[in-house]
Amino acid sequence: MIVDISSRLERLQELCWRFHVRRLDLFGSAARGDLDLARSDLDFLVEFEPMGPGGYADAFFGFKESLEQLFARPVDLIAGAAIRNPYFRESVESAKVPLYAA
């Protein structure tokens, strides 16, 4: 991984707890090690704990914004349940790097 996630791991875990994240994985160029530091975003696969109406949207967008602040770069946050394309799902599953599991 080119992006130094390990130095931010404690803060990342705090964010996961705060936003009710059940599981968080890194995928894409950062997980493969070919991230372009000048232009690339970070790709995260997230699974949230069950929550009430309205809670999911607040958690999703609050977590995304917090990740962008933590890593000082754009973030693509994708909920695993929202992936419908089986080829994309297979690509993500085969390359993901676990970061957090509650």
Protein backbone atom coordinates (compact mmCIF):
# COMPACT_ATOMS: atom_id res chain seq x y z
CA MET A 1 0.00 0.00 0.00
CA ILE A 2 1.40 3.37 -1.00
CA VAL A 3 -0.91 5.42 1.20
CA ASP A 4 0.25 5.13 4.78
CA ILE A 5 -2.86 3.72 6.36
CA SER A 6 -1.01 2.10 9.25
CA SER A 7 -0.10 5.48 10.79
CA ARG A 8 -3.78 6.44 10.69
CA LEU A 9 -5.19 3.09 11.75
CA GLU A 10 -6.15 4.14 15.28
CA ARG A 11 -8.07 7.18 13.99
CA LEU A 12 -9.63 5.05 11.25
CA GLN A 13 -10.88 2.57 13.85
CA GLU A 14 -12.35 5.42 15.89
CA LEU A 15 -14.24 6.64 12.82
CA CYS A 16 -15.53 3.14 12.13
CA TRP A 17 -16.85 2.89 15.69
CA ARG A 18 -18.36 6.40 15.56
CA PHE A 19 -20.19 5.77 12.28
CA HIS A 20 -21.33 2.22 13.11
CA VAL A 21 -19.18 0.47 10.53
CA ARG A 22 -19.24 -3.31 10.77
CA ARG A 23 -16.50 -3.90 8.19
CA LEU A 24 -14.16 -1.75 6.08
CA ASP A 25 -11.89 -2.87 3.25
CA LEU A 26 -9.55 -1.01 0.94
CA PHE A 27 -9.55 -1.92 -2.75
CA GLY A 28 -8.47 -0.43 -6.05
CA SER A 29 -5.13 1.19 -6.83
CA ALA A 30 -4.16 1.79 -3.19
CA ALA A 31 -4.67 -1.90 -2.35
CA ARG A 32 -2.75 -2.98 -5.46
CA GLY A 33 0.11 -0.59 -4.71
CA ASP A 34 -0.16 1.49 -7.89
CA LEU A 35 -1.85 4.59 -6.48
CA ASP A 36 -1.00 7.85 -8.26
CA LEU A 37 -0.46 10.18 -5.29
CA ALA A 38 -1.12 13.24 -7.43
CA ARG A 39 -4.45 12.13 -8.91
CA SER A 40 -5.91 8.95 -7.40
CA ASP A 41 -8.69 8.67 -4.89
CA LEU A 42 -9.02 5.95 -2.28
CA ASP A 43 -11.57 3.17 -2.75
CA PHE A 44 -13.25 1.69 0.32
CA LEU A 45 -15.83 -1.08 0.62
CA VAL A 46 -18.02 -0.58 3.68
CA GLU A 47 -20.63 -2.54 5.57
CA PHE A 48 -22.61 -0.71 8.25
CA GLU A 49 -24.39 -2.13 11.25
CA PRO A 50 -28.19 -2.18 10.93
CA MET A 51 -29.68 1.23 11.73
CA GLY A 52 -32.98 3.02 11.70
CA PRO A 53 -34.51 5.20 9.00
CA GLY A 54 -32.30 8.13 8.09
CA GLY A 55 -29.40 6.76 10.07
CA TYR A 56 -27.77 5.06 7.11
CA ALA A 57 -27.51 8.20 4.97
CA ASP A 58 -26.09 10.22 7.85
CA ALA A 59 -23.55 7.50 8.63
CA PHE A 60 -22.57 6.99 4.99
CA PHE A 61 -21.98 10.64 4.12
CA GLY A 62 -20.47 11.52 7.50
CA PHE A 63 -18.06 8.60 7.24
CA LYS A 64 -17.12 9.46 3.65
CA GLU A 65 -16.37 13.07 4.57
CA SER A 66 -14.35 11.98 7.61
CA LEU A 67 -12.27 9.58 5.48
CA GLU A 68 -11.54 12.36 3.00
CA GLN A 69 -10.35 14.60 5.83
CA LEU A 70 -8.27 11.83 7.40
CA PHE A 71 -6.44 10.96 4.18
CA ALA A 72 -6.55 14.44 2.58
CA ARG A 73 -7.78 13.07 -0.74
CA PRO A 74 -11.05 12.11 -2.43
CA VAL A 75 -12.68 8.86 -1.36
CA ASP A 76 -15.00 6.48 -3.19
CA LEU A 77 -17.08 4.73 -0.54
CA ILE A 78 -19.08 1.77 -1.79
CA ALA A 79 -21.52 -0.29 0.24
CA GLY A 80 -21.02 -3.96 -0.61
CA ALA A 81 -24.77 -4.56 -0.69
CA ALA A 82 -25.09 -1.96 -3.46
CA ILE A 83 -22.78 -3.77 -5.89
CA ARG A 84 -24.99 -5.42 -8.51
CA ASN A 85 -22.44 -6.11 -11.25
CA PRO A 86 -21.00 -9.61 -10.62
CA TYR A 87 -17.75 -8.84 -12.47
CA PHE A 88 -17.14 -5.71 -10.42
CA ARG A 89 -18.01 -7.60 -7.22
CA GLU A 90 -15.52 -10.35 -8.12
CA SER A 91 -12.82 -7.77 -8.87
CA VAL A 92 -13.38 -5.99 -5.55
CA GLU A 93 -13.57 -9.22 -3.53
CA SER A 94 -10.37 -10.61 -5.03
CA ALA A 95 -8.31 -7.49 -4.35
CA LYS A 96 -9.67 -6.05 -1.11
CA VAL A 97 -7.48 -5.49 1.94
CA PRO A 98 -9.28 -5.73 5.32
CA LEU A 99 -8.86 -2.66 7.51
CA TYR A 100 -11.55 -3.01 10.17
CA ALA A 101 -14.01 -5.59 11.42
CA ALA A 102 -16.28 -5.10 14.43
